[in-house]
PDB file of N, CA and C in Angstrom:
ATOM      1  N   MET A   1     -23.819  23.332  73.238  1.00  0.00           N
ATOM      2  CA  MET A   1     -22.806  22.862  72.320  1.00  0.00           C
ATOM      3  C   MET A   1     -21.431  23.226  72.849  1.00  0.00           C
ATOM      4  N   ALA A   2     -20.495  22.342  72.529  1.00  0.00           N
ATOM      5  CA  ALA A   2     -19.131  22.548  72.991  1.00  0.00           C
ATOM      6  C   ALA A   2     -18.158  22.142  71.896  1.00  0.00           C
ATOM      7  N   ILE A   3     -16.966  22.712  71.951  1.00  0.00           N
ATOM      8  CA  ILE A   3     -15.892  22.350  71.033  1.00  0.00           C
ATOM      9  C   ILE A   3     -14.939  21.447  71.796  1.00  0.00           C
ATOM     10  N   ILE A   4     -14.666  20.265  71.221  1.00  0.00           N
ATOM     11  CA  ILE A   4     -13.805  19.286  71.869  1.00  0.00           C
ATOM     12  C   ILE A   4     -12.592  19.037  70.983  1.00  0.00           C
ATOM     13  N   LYS A   5     -11.413  19.049  71.593  1.00  0.00           N
ATOM     14  CA  LYS A   5     -10.176  18.727  70.894  1.00  0.00           C
ATOM     15  C   LYS A   5      -9.710  17.362  71.382  1.00  0.00           C
ATOM     16  N   GLN A   6      -9.412  16.465  70.444  1.00  0.00           N
ATOM     17  CA  GLN A   6      -8.968  15.122  70.817  1.00  0.00           C
ATOM     18  C   GLN A   6      -7.759  14.762  69.976  1.00  0.00           C
ATOM     19  N   LYS A   7      -6.676  14.372  70.649  1.00  0.00           N
ATOM     20  CA  LYS A   7      -5.441  14.035  69.952  1.00  0.00           C
ATOM     21  C   LYS A   7      -5.388  12.533  69.712  1.00  0.00           C
ATOM     22  N   ASP A   8      -5.120  12.148  68.466  1.00  0.00           N
ATOM     23  CA  ASP A   8      -4.962  10.740  68.104  1.00  0.00           C
ATOM     24  C   ASP A   8      -3.549  10.335  68.494  1.00  0.00           C
ATOM     25  N   SER A   9      -3.432   9.395  69.409  1.00  0.00           N
ATOM     26  CA  SER A   9      -2.112   9.021  69.919  1.00  0.00           C
ATOM     27  C   SER A   9      -1.284   8.282  68.872  1.00  0.00           C
ATOM     28  N   ARG A  10      -1.932   7.612  67.928  1.00  0.00           N
ATOM     29  CA  ARG A  10      -1.188   6.876  66.905  1.00  0.00           C
ATOM     30  C   ARG A  10      -0.560   7.814  65.884  1.00  0.00           C
ATOM     31  N   SER A  11      -1.336   8.794  65.402  1.00  0.00           N
ATOM     32  CA  SER A  11      -0.827   9.677  64.349  1.00  0.00           C
ATOM     33  C   SER A  11      -0.318  11.000  64.888  1.00  0.00           C
ATOM     34  N   GLY A  12      -0.737  11.378  66.095  1.00  0.00           N
ATOM     35  CA  GLY A  12      -0.328  12.654  66.665  1.00  0.00           C
ATOM     36  C   GLY A  12      -1.133  13.831  66.152  1.00  0.00           C
ATOM     37  N   ILE A  13      -2.200  13.559  65.412  1.00  0.00           N
ATOM     38  CA  ILE A  13      -3.045  14.616  64.857  1.00  0.00           C
ATOM     39  C   ILE A  13      -4.141  14.960  65.853  1.00  0.00           C
ATOM     40  N   THR A  14      -4.386  16.239  66.051  1.00  0.00           N
ATOM     41  CA  THR A  14      -5.463  16.683  66.930  1.00  0.00           C
ATOM     42  C   THR A  14      -6.679  17.014  66.082  1.00  0.00           C
ATOM     43  N   TYR A  15      -7.791  16.358  66.390  1.00  0.00           N
ATOM     44  CA  TYR A  15      -9.043  16.590  65.678  1.00  0.00           C
ATOM     45  C   TYR A  15      -9.958  17.455  66.538  1.00  0.00           C
ATOM     46  N   VAL A  16     -10.774  18.265  65.878  1.00  0.00           N
ATOM     47  CA  VAL A  16     -11.688  19.160  66.575  1.00  0.00           C
ATOM     48  C   VAL A  16     -13.121  18.725  66.254  1.00  0.00           C
ATOM     49  N   TYR A  17     -13.931  18.570  67.311  1.00  0.00           N
ATOM     50  CA  TYR A  17     -15.313  18.132  67.164  1.00  0.00           C
ATOM     51  C   TYR A  17     -16.248  19.169  67.778  1.00  0.00           C
ATOM     52  N   GLU A  18     -17.477  19.187  67.279  1.00  0.00           N
ATOM     53  CA  GLU A  18     -18.537  19.978  67.881  1.00  0.00           C
ATOM     54  C   GLU A  18     -19.454  18.979  68.582  1.00  0.00           C
ATOM     55  N   ALA A  19     -19.586  19.116  69.893  1.00  0.00           N
ATOM     56  CA  ALA A  19     -20.394  18.183  70.681  1.00  0.00           C
ATOM     57  C   ALA A  19     -21.718  18.834  71.039  1.00  0.00           C
ATOM     58  N   SER A  20     -22.766  18.032  70.958  1.00  0.00           N
ATOM     59  CA  SER A  20     -24.079  18.507  71.406  1.00  0.00           C
ATOM     60  C   SER A  20     -24.678  17.430  72.306  1.00  0.00           C
ATOM     61  N   TYR A  21     -25.502  17.863  73.233  1.00  0.00           N
ATOM     62  CA  TYR A  21     -26.053  16.958  74.233  1.00  0.00           C
ATOM     63  C   TYR A  21     -27.578  16.996  74.190  1.00  0.00           C
ATOM     64  N   VAL A  22     -28.187  15.808  74.310  1.00  0.00           N
ATOM     65  CA  VAL A  22     -29.647  15.683  74.271  1.00  0.00           C
ATOM     66  C   VAL A  22     -30.066  14.798  75.441  1.00  0.00           C
ATOM     67  N   TRP A  23     -31.190  15.157  76.073  1.00  0.00           N
ATOM     68  CA  TRP A  23     -31.701  14.379  77.196  1.00  0.00           C
ATOM     69  C   TRP A  23     -32.595  13.252  76.666  1.00  0.00           C
ATOM     70  N   ASP A  24     -32.263  12.009  77.055  1.00  0.00           N
ATOM     71  CA  ASP A  24     -33.057  10.846  76.683  1.00  0.00           C
ATOM     72  C   ASP A  24     -34.098  10.628  77.779  1.00  0.00           C
ATOM     73  N   LYS A  25     -35.366  10.895  77.463  1.00  0.00           N
ATOM     74  CA  LYS A  25     -36.427  10.816  78.470  1.00  0.00           C
ATOM     75  C   LYS A  25     -36.662   9.384  78.937  1.00  0.00           C
ATOM     76  N   GLU A  26     -36.567   8.417  78.034  1.00  0.00           N
ATOM     77  CA  GLU A  26     -36.818   7.023  78.400  1.00  0.00           C
ATOM     78  C   GLU A  26     -35.776   6.499  79.378  1.00  0.00           C
ATOM     79  N   LYS A  27     -34.532   6.723  79.070  1.00  0.00           N
ATOM     80  CA  LYS A  27     -33.457   6.213  79.926  1.00  0.00           C
ATOM     81  C   LYS A  27     -33.051   7.197  81.010  1.00  0.00           C
ATOM     82  N   LYS A  28     -33.584   8.404  80.913  1.00  0.00           N
ATOM     83  CA  LYS A  28     -33.273   9.454  81.882  1.00  0.00           C
ATOM     84  C   LYS A  28     -31.765   9.668  82.011  1.00  0.00           C
ATOM     85  N   GLN A  29     -31.155   9.784  80.832  1.00  0.00           N
ATOM     86  CA  GLN A  29     -29.716  10.018  80.763  1.00  0.00           C
ATOM     87  C   GLN A  29     -29.432  11.027  79.664  1.00  0.00           C
ATOM     88  N   SER A  30     -28.330  11.688  79.800  1.00  0.00           N
ATOM     89  CA  SER A  30     -27.885  12.612  78.769  1.00  0.00           C
ATOM     90  C   SER A  30     -27.155  11.813  77.689  1.00  0.00           C
ATOM     91  N   ARG A  31     -27.416  12.141  76.428  1.00  0.00           N
ATOM     92  CA  ARG A  31     -26.738  11.507  75.299  1.00  0.00           C
ATOM     93  C   ARG A  31     -25.973  12.579  74.539  1.00  0.00           C
ATOM     94  N   SER A  32     -24.804  12.212  74.074  1.00  0.00           N
ATOM     95  CA  SER A  32     -23.997  13.189  73.339  1.00  0.00           C
ATOM     96  C   SER A  32     -23.793  12.721  71.906  1.00  0.00           C
ATOM     97  N   THR A  33     -23.681  13.679  71.018  1.00  0.00           N
ATOM     98  CA  THR A  33     -23.307  13.415  69.635  1.00  0.00           C
ATOM     99  C   THR A  33     -22.187  14.374  69.276  1.00  0.00           C
ATOM    100  N   ARG A  34     -21.285  13.880  68.409  1.00  0.00           N
ATOM    101  CA  ARG A  34     -20.171  14.728  67.992  1.00  0.00           C
ATOM    102  C   ARG A  34     -20.125  14.801  66.478  1.00  0.00           C
ATOM    103  N   LYS A  35     -19.753  15.965  65.996  1.00  0.00           N
ATOM    104  CA  LYS A  35     -19.589  16.187  64.566  1.00  0.00           C
ATOM    105  C   LYS A  35     -18.154  16.652  64.333  1.00  0.00           C
ATOM    106  N   LEU A  36     -17.456  15.966  63.418  1.00  0.00           N
ATOM    107  CA  LEU A  36     -16.075  16.327  63.119  1.00  0.00           C
ATOM    108  C   LEU A  36     -16.028  17.649  62.372  1.00  0.00           C
ATOM    109  N   LEU A  37     -15.251  18.579  62.893  1.00  0.00           N
ATOM    110  CA  LEU A  37     -15.060  19.871  62.221  1.00  0.00           C
ATOM    111  C   LEU A  37     -13.801  19.858  61.364  1.00  0.00           C
ATOM    112  N   GLY A  38     -12.732  19.198  61.841  1.00  0.00           N
ATOM    113  CA  GLY A  38     -11.494  19.133  61.069  1.00  0.00           C
ATOM    114  C   GLY A  38     -10.291  18.884  61.943  1.00  0.00           C
ATOM    115  N   ARG A  39      -9.131  19.087  61.354  1.00  0.00           N
ATOM    116  CA  ARG A  39      -7.863  18.938  62.059  1.00  0.00           C
ATOM    117  C   ARG A  39      -7.444  20.272  62.654  1.00  0.00           C
ATOM    118  N   LEU A  40      -6.697  20.210  63.723  1.00  0.00           N
ATOM    119  CA  LEU A  40      -6.172  21.416  64.346  1.00  0.00           C
ATOM    120  C   LEU A  40      -4.726  21.600  63.915  1.00  0.00           C
ATOM    121  N   ASN A  41      -4.416  22.768  63.355  1.00  0.00           N
ATOM    122  CA  ASN A  41      -3.041  23.101  63.026  1.00  0.00           C
ATOM    123  C   ASN A  41      -2.390  23.563  64.322  1.00  0.00           C
ATOM    124  N   GLU A  42      -1.443  22.793  64.813  1.00  0.00           N
ATOM    125  CA  GLU A  42      -0.821  23.060  66.117  1.00  0.00           C
ATOM    126  C   GLU A  42      -0.101  24.409  66.145  1.00  0.00           C
ATOM    127  N   GLU A  43       0.502  24.795  65.024  1.00  0.00           N
ATOM    128  CA  GLU A  43       1.296  26.027  65.000  1.00  0.00           C
ATOM    129  C   GLU A  43       0.422  27.277  65.019  1.00  0.00           C
ATOM    130  N   THR A  44      -0.643  27.277  64.205  1.00  0.00           N
ATOM    131  CA  THR A  44      -1.468  28.475  64.092  1.00  0.00           C
ATOM    132  C   THR A  44      -2.740  28.415  64.924  1.00  0.00           C
ATOM    133  N   GLY A  45      -3.137  27.226  65.343  1.00  0.00           N
ATOM    134  CA  GLY A  45      -4.380  27.064  66.084  1.00  0.00           C
ATOM    135  C   GLY A  45      -5.601  27.078  65.175  1.00  0.00           C
ATOM    136  N   GLU A  46      -5.374  27.054  63.863  1.00  0.00           N
ATOM    137  CA  GLU A  46      -6.444  27.093  62.884  1.00  0.00           C
ATOM    138  C   GLU A  46      -7.050  25.704  62.696  1.00  0.00           C
ATOM    139  N   ILE A  47      -8.367  25.640  62.481  1.00  0.00           N
ATOM    140  CA  ILE A  47      -9.048  24.379  62.214  1.00  0.00           C
ATOM    141  C   ILE A  47      -9.095  24.195  60.704  1.00  0.00           C
ATOM    142  N   ILE A  48      -8.500  23.112  60.216  1.00  0.00           N
ATOM    143  CA  ILE A  48      -8.474  22.801  58.796  1.00  0.00           C
ATOM    144  C   ILE A  48      -9.590  21.805  58.525  1.00  0.00           C
ATOM    145  N   PRO A  49     -10.609  22.175  57.750  1.00  0.00           N
ATOM    146  CA  PRO A  49     -11.752  21.283  57.526  1.00  0.00           C
ATOM    147  C   PRO A  49     -11.343  19.994  56.818  1.00  0.00           C
ATOM    148  N   THR A  50     -11.977  18.891  57.177  1.00  0.00           N
ATOM    149  CA  THR A  50     -11.796  17.607  56.512  1.00  0.00           C
ATOM    150  C   THR A  50     -13.151  17.124  56.042  1.00  0.00           C
ATOM    151  N   ASP A  51     -13.128  16.102  55.180  1.00  0.00           N
ATOM    152  CA  ASP A  51     -14.401  15.580  54.696  1.00  0.00           C
ATOM    153  C   ASP A  51     -14.991  14.570  55.672  1.00  0.00           C
ATOM    154  N   GLY A  52     -14.257  14.213  56.712  1.00  0.00           N
ATOM    155  CA  GLY A  52     -14.796  13.359  57.760  1.00  0.00           C
ATOM    156  C   GLY A  52     -14.734  11.871  57.473  1.00  0.00           C
ATOM    157  N   ARG A  53     -14.146  11.504  56.356  1.00  0.00           N
ATOM    158  CA  ARG A  53     -14.101  10.091  56.009  1.00  0.00           C
ATOM    159  C   ARG A  53     -12.684   9.537  56.009  1.00  0.00           C
ATOM    160  N   GLY A  54     -11.720  10.333  56.396  1.00  0.00           N
ATOM    161  CA  GLY A  54     -10.345   9.860  56.457  1.00  0.00           C
ATOM    162  C   GLY A  54      -9.720   9.644  55.096  1.00  0.00           C
ATOM    163  N   ARG A  55     -10.220  10.301  54.091  1.00  0.00           N
ATOM    164  CA  ARG A  55      -9.666  10.155  52.757  1.00  0.00           C
ATOM    165  C   ARG A  55      -8.284  10.791  52.707  1.00  0.00           C
ATOM    166  N   LYS A  56      -7.368  10.125  52.019  1.00  0.00           N
ATOM    167  CA  LYS A  56      -6.015  10.645  51.956  1.00  0.00           C
ATOM    168  C   LYS A  56      -5.908  11.916  51.133  1.00  0.00           C
ATOM    169  N   ARG A  57      -6.821  12.129  50.221  1.00  0.00           N
ATOM    170  CA  ARG A  57      -6.771  13.314  49.375  1.00  0.00           C
ATOM    171  C   ARG A  57      -7.803  14.357  49.786  1.00  0.00           C
ATOM    172  N   SER A  58      -8.144  14.383  51.059  1.00  0.00           N
ATOM    173  CA  SER A  58      -9.067  15.409  51.536  1.00  0.00           C
ATOM    174  C   SER A  58      -8.350  16.762  51.520  1.00  0.00           C
ATOM    175  N   PRO A  59      -9.080  17.871  51.659  1.00  0.00           N
ATOM    176  CA  PRO A  59      -8.434  19.186  51.610  1.00  0.00           C
ATOM    177  C   PRO A  59      -7.332  19.366  52.648  1.00  0.00           C
ATOM    178  N   SER A  60      -7.370  18.604  53.718  1.00  0.00           N
ATOM    179  CA  SER A  60      -6.357  18.756  54.751  1.00  0.00           C
ATOM    180  C   SER A  60      -5.179  17.804  54.559  1.00  0.00           C
ATOM    181  N   TYR A  61      -5.184  17.026  53.483  1.00  0.00           N
ATOM    182  CA  TYR A  61      -4.113  16.062  53.228  1.00  0.00           C
ATOM    183  C   TYR A  61      -2.783  16.778  53.033  1.00  0.00           C
ATOM    184  N   GLN A  62      -1.796  16.326  53.749  1.00  0.00           N
ATOM    185  CA  GLN A  62      -0.461  16.893  53.639  1.00  0.00           C
ATOM    186  C   GLN A  62       0.373  15.997  52.738  1.00  0.00           C
ATOM    187  N   LYS A  63       0.869  16.549  51.634  1.00  0.00           N
ATOM    188  CA  LYS A  63       1.676  15.758  50.719  1.00  0.00           C
ATOM    189  C   LYS A  63       3.024  15.462  51.352  1.00  0.00           C
ATOM    190  N   ALA A  64       3.687  14.456  50.823  1.00  0.00           N
ATOM    191  CA  ALA A  64       5.019  14.095  51.304  1.00  0.00           C
ATOM    192  C   ALA A  64       5.986  15.235  51.006  1.00  0.00           C
ATOM    193  N   ASP A  65       7.071  15.303  51.766  1.00  0.00           N
ATOM    194  CA  ASP A  65       8.048  16.368  51.580  1.00  0.00           C
ATOM    195  C   ASP A  65       8.603  16.390  50.163  1.00  0.00           C
ATOM    196  N   MET A  66       8.771  15.208  49.556  1.00  0.00           N
ATOM    197  CA  MET A  66       9.302  15.132  48.209  1.00  0.00           C
ATOM    198  C   MET A  66       8.359  15.834  47.228  1.00  0.00           C
ATOM    199  N   ASP A  67       7.051  15.638  47.391  1.00  0.00           N
ATOM    200  CA  ASP A  67       6.083  16.268  46.507  1.00  0.00           C
ATOM    201  C   ASP A  67       6.060  17.774  46.692  1.00  0.00           C
ATOM    202  N   LYS A  68       6.279  18.256  47.912  1.00  0.00           N
ATOM    203  CA  LYS A  68       6.253  19.690  48.175  1.00  0.00           C
ATOM    204  C   LYS A  68       7.389  20.398  47.447  1.00  0.00           C
ATOM    205  N   GLU A  69       8.552  19.745  47.407  1.00  0.00           N
ATOM    206  CA  GLU A  69       9.722  20.375  46.828  1.00  0.00           C
ATOM    207  C   GLU A  69       9.688  20.359  45.304  1.00  0.00           C
ATOM    208  N   MET A  70       8.949  19.432  44.707  1.00  0.00           N
ATOM    209  CA  MET A  70       8.917  19.291  43.270  1.00  0.00           C
ATOM    210  C   MET A  70       7.975  20.342  42.666  1.00  0.00           C
ATOM    211  N   SER A  71       8.469  21.064  41.678  1.00  0.00           N
ATOM    212  CA  SER A  71       7.628  22.077  41.036  1.00  0.00           C
ATOM    213  C   SER A  71       6.635  21.390  40.109  1.00  0.00           C
ATOM    214  N   LEU A  72       5.624  22.127  39.719  1.00  0.00           N
ATOM    215  CA  LEU A  72       4.601  21.585  38.837  1.00  0.00           C
ATOM    216  C   LEU A  72       5.201  21.172  37.497  1.00  0.00           C
ATOM    217  N   ALA A  73       6.104  21.980  36.959  1.00  0.00           N
ATOM    218  CA  ALA A  73       6.729  21.666  35.671  1.00  0.00           C
ATOM    219  C   ALA A  73       7.546  20.378  35.768  1.00  0.00           C
ATOM    220  N   ASP A  74       8.287  20.213  36.873  1.00  0.00           N
ATOM    221  CA  ASP A  74       9.069  18.992  37.063  1.00  0.00           C
ATOM    222  C   ASP A  74       8.149  17.774  37.192  1.00  0.00           C
ATOM    223  N   ARG A  75       7.038  17.953  37.890  1.00  0.00           N
ATOM    224  CA  ARG A  75       6.083  16.852  38.065  1.00  0.00           C
ATOM    225  C   ARG A  75       5.472  16.457  36.722  1.00  0.00           C
ATOM    226  N   ILE A  76       5.160  17.452  35.873  1.00  0.00           N
ATOM    227  CA  ILE A  76       4.607  17.167  34.548  1.00  0.00           C
ATOM    228  C   ILE A  76       5.623  16.402  33.702  1.00  0.00           C
ATOM    229  N   LYS A  77       6.887  16.849  33.735  1.00  0.00           N
ATOM    230  CA  LYS A  77       7.944  16.148  32.981  1.00  0.00           C
ATOM    231  C   LYS A  77       8.086  14.706  33.457  1.00  0.00           C
ATOM    232  N   GLU A  78       8.041  14.516  34.776  1.00  0.00           N
ATOM    233  CA  GLU A  78       8.161  13.168  35.332  1.00  0.00           C
ATOM    234  C   GLU A  78       6.996  12.284  34.879  1.00  0.00           C
ATOM    235  N   LEU A  79       5.793  12.835  34.886  1.00  0.00           N
ATOM    236  CA  LEU A  79       4.620  12.066  34.467  1.00  0.00           C
ATOM    237  C   LEU A  79       4.644  11.785  32.964  1.00  0.00           C
ATOM    238  N   GLU A  80       5.123  12.727  32.162  1.00  0.00           N
ATOM    239  CA  GLU A  80       5.245  12.484  30.731  1.00  0.00           C
ATOM    240  C   GLU A  80       6.247  11.376  30.441  1.00  0.00           C
ATOM    241  N   LYS A  81       7.356  11.367  31.181  1.00  0.00           N
ATOM    242  CA  LYS A  81       8.360  10.322  31.015  1.00  0.00           C
ATOM    243  C   LYS A  81       7.768   8.961  31.391  1.00  0.00           C
ATOM    244  N   GLU A  82       7.044   8.902  32.497  1.00  0.00           N
ATOM    245  CA  GLU A  82       6.407   7.665  32.925  1.00  0.00           C
ATOM    246  C   GLU A  82       5.366   7.211  31.904  1.00  0.00           C
ATOM    247  N   ASN A  83       4.622   8.161  31.334  1.00  0.00           N
ATOM    248  CA  ASN A  83       3.611   7.850  30.334  1.00  0.00           C
ATOM    249  C   ASN A  83       4.248   7.244  29.086  1.00  0.00           C
ATOM    250  N   SER A  84       5.327   7.841  28.603  1.00  0.00           N
ATOM    251  CA  SER A  84       5.985   7.305  27.408  1.00  0.00           C
ATOM    252  C   SER A  84       6.583   5.925  27.687  1.00  0.00           C
ATOM    253  N   ARG A  85       7.106   5.714  28.893  1.00  0.00           N
ATOM    254  CA  ARG A  85       7.629   4.387  29.249  1.00  0.00           C
ATOM    255  C   ARG A  85       6.514   3.350  29.221  1.00  0.00           C
ATOM    256  N   LEU A  86       5.353   3.707  29.757  1.00  0.00           N
ATOM    257  CA  LEU A  86       4.233   2.771  29.777  1.00  0.00           C
ATOM    258  C   LEU A  86       3.701   2.498  28.370  1.00  0.00           C
ATOM    259  N   ILE A  87       3.695   3.514  27.513  1.00  0.00           N
ATOM    260  CA  ILE A  87       3.250   3.317  26.130  1.00  0.00           C
ATOM    261  C   ILE A  87       4.181   2.368  25.405  1.00  0.00           C
ATOM    262  N   SER A  88       5.500   2.561  25.542  1.00  0.00           N
ATOM    263  CA  SER A  88       6.457   1.668  24.870  1.00  0.00           C
ATOM    264  C   SER A  88       6.366   0.247  25.437  1.00  0.00           C
ATOM    265  N   GLU A  89       6.163   0.124  26.743  1.00  0.00           N
ATOM    266  CA  GLU A  89       5.999  -1.206  27.342  1.00  0.00           C
ATOM    267  C   GLU A  89       4.734  -1.876  26.805  1.00  0.00           C
ATOM    268  N   ASN A  90       3.671  -1.104  26.642  1.00  0.00           N
ATOM    269  CA  ASN A  90       2.412  -1.632  26.111  1.00  0.00           C
ATOM    270  C   ASN A  90       2.599  -2.121  24.674  1.00  0.00           C
ATOM    271  N   GLU A  91       3.300  -1.330  23.853  1.00  0.00           N
ATOM    272  CA  GLU A  91       3.565  -1.734  22.467  1.00  0.00           C
ATOM    273  C   GLU A  91       4.398  -3.006  22.418  1.00  0.00           C
ATOM    274  N   MET A  92       5.399  -3.120  23.293  1.00  0.00           N
ATOM    275  CA  MET A  92       6.229  -4.312  23.331  1.00  0.00           C
ATOM    276  C   MET A  92       5.391  -5.540  23.704  1.00  0.00           C
ATOM    277  N   LEU A  93       4.506  -5.388  24.676  1.00  0.00           N
ATOM    278  CA  LEU A  93       3.661  -6.506  25.093  1.00  0.00           C
ATOM    279  C   LEU A  93       2.680  -6.910  24.001  1.00  0.00           C
ATOM    280  N   LYS A  94       2.153  -5.929  23.271  1.00  0.00           N
ATOM    281  CA  LYS A  94       1.268  -6.248  22.151  1.00  0.00           C
ATOM    282  C   LYS A  94       2.015  -7.046  21.087  1.00  0.00           C
ATOM    283  N   ALA A  95       3.268  -6.669  20.803  1.00  0.00           N
ATOM    284  CA  ALA A  95       4.076  -7.401  19.823  1.00  0.00           C
ATOM    285  C   ALA A  95       4.331  -8.827  20.301  1.00  0.00           C
ATOM    286  N   ARG A  96       4.612  -9.002  21.574  1.00  0.00           N
ATOM    287  CA  ARG A  96       4.842 -10.349  22.114  1.00  0.00           C
ATOM    288  C   ARG A  96       3.579 -11.195  22.023  1.00  0.00           C
ATOM    289  N   ILE A  97       2.430 -10.579  22.285  1.00  0.00           N
ATOM    290  CA  ILE A  97       1.163 -11.301  22.182  1.00  0.00           C
ATOM    291  C   ILE A  97       0.924 -11.742  20.743  1.00  0.00           C
ATOM    292  N   ALA A  98       1.218 -10.849  19.785  1.00  0.00           N
ATOM    293  CA  ALA A  98       1.047 -11.190  18.373  1.00  0.00           C
ATOM    294  C   ALA A  98       1.936 -12.363  17.992  1.00  0.00           C
ATOM    295  N   ILE A  99       3.173 -12.360  18.459  1.00  0.00           N
ATOM    296  CA  ILE A  99       4.092 -13.464  18.168  1.00  0.00           C
ATOM    297  C   ILE A  99       3.566 -14.759  18.768  1.00  0.00           C
ATOM    298  N   LEU A 100       3.093 -14.706  20.005  1.00  0.00           N
ATOM    299  CA  LEU A 100       2.563 -15.906  20.654  1.00  0.00           C
ATOM    300  C   LEU A 100       1.299 -16.408  19.953  1.00  0.00           C
ATOM    301  N   GLU A 101       0.446 -15.516  19.506  1.00  0.00           N
ATOM    302  CA  GLU A 101      -0.761 -15.908  18.766  1.00  0.00           C
ATOM    303  C   GLU A 101      -0.384 -16.591  17.459  1.00  0.00           C
ATOM    304  N   LYS A 102       0.596 -16.015  16.762  1.00  0.00           N
ATOM    305  CA  LYS A 102       1.046 -16.590  15.500  1.00  0.00           C
ATOM    306  C   LYS A 102       1.637 -17.974  15.740  1.00  0.00           C
ATOM    307  N   HIS A 103       2.437 -18.099  16.772  1.00  0.00           N
ATOM    308  CA  HIS A 103       3.051 -19.393  17.107  1.00  0.00           C
ATOM    309  C   HIS A 103       1.975 -20.415  17.484  1.00  0.00           C
ATOM    310  N   ARG A 104       0.964 -19.995  18.208  1.00  0.00           N
ATOM    311  CA  ARG A 104      -0.110 -20.912  18.632  1.00  0.00           C
ATOM    312  C   ARG A 104      -0.907 -21.400  17.415  1.00  0.00           C
ATOM    313  N   GLN A 105      -1.118 -20.531  16.429  1.00  0.00           N
ATOM    314  CA  GLN A 105      -1.863 -20.923  15.239  1.00  0.00           C
ATOM    315  C   GLN A 105      -1.069 -21.863  14.367  1.00  0.00           C
ATOM    316  N   GLU A 106       0.268 -21.741  14.358  1.00  0.00           N
ATOM    317  CA  GLU A 106       1.121 -22.590  13.515  1.00  0.00           C
ATOM    318  C   GLU A 106       1.274 -23.986  14.093  1.00  0.00           C
ATOM    319  N   THR A 107       1.238 -24.130  15.393  1.00  0.00           N
ATOM    320  CA  THR A 107       1.402 -25.448  16.026  1.00  0.00           C
ATOM    321  C   THR A 107       0.059 -26.145  16.136  1.00  0.00           C
ATOM    322  N   PRO A 108       0.049 -27.454  15.784  1.00  0.00           N
ATOM    323  CA  PRO A 108      -1.224 -28.196  15.847  1.00  0.00           C
ATOM    324  C   PRO A 108      -1.654 -28.550  17.227  1.00  0.00           C
TER     325      PRO A 108
END
């Protein structure tokens, strides 16, 4: 078994794999398999585990700088404001639908 580091040229992220080799008797060739271990933190040299599926919200996901600077309380306030805006928009749309339904029933 070996540890392989491979840098993705598009994103600049270095991924760390565990490689193992098996001899194929039929083809008389060595075959390799790799298992993703995670991302390599360039500064510390630490391997940050990933789920291996490229999910944006995996444990190694790095939030945008804006999200890092925002405190939890500020984020909650922002989400509450967005929630109340969506509720009022929903109520307005329901009222418009009621008006349109009433108008549709009145016209032959």
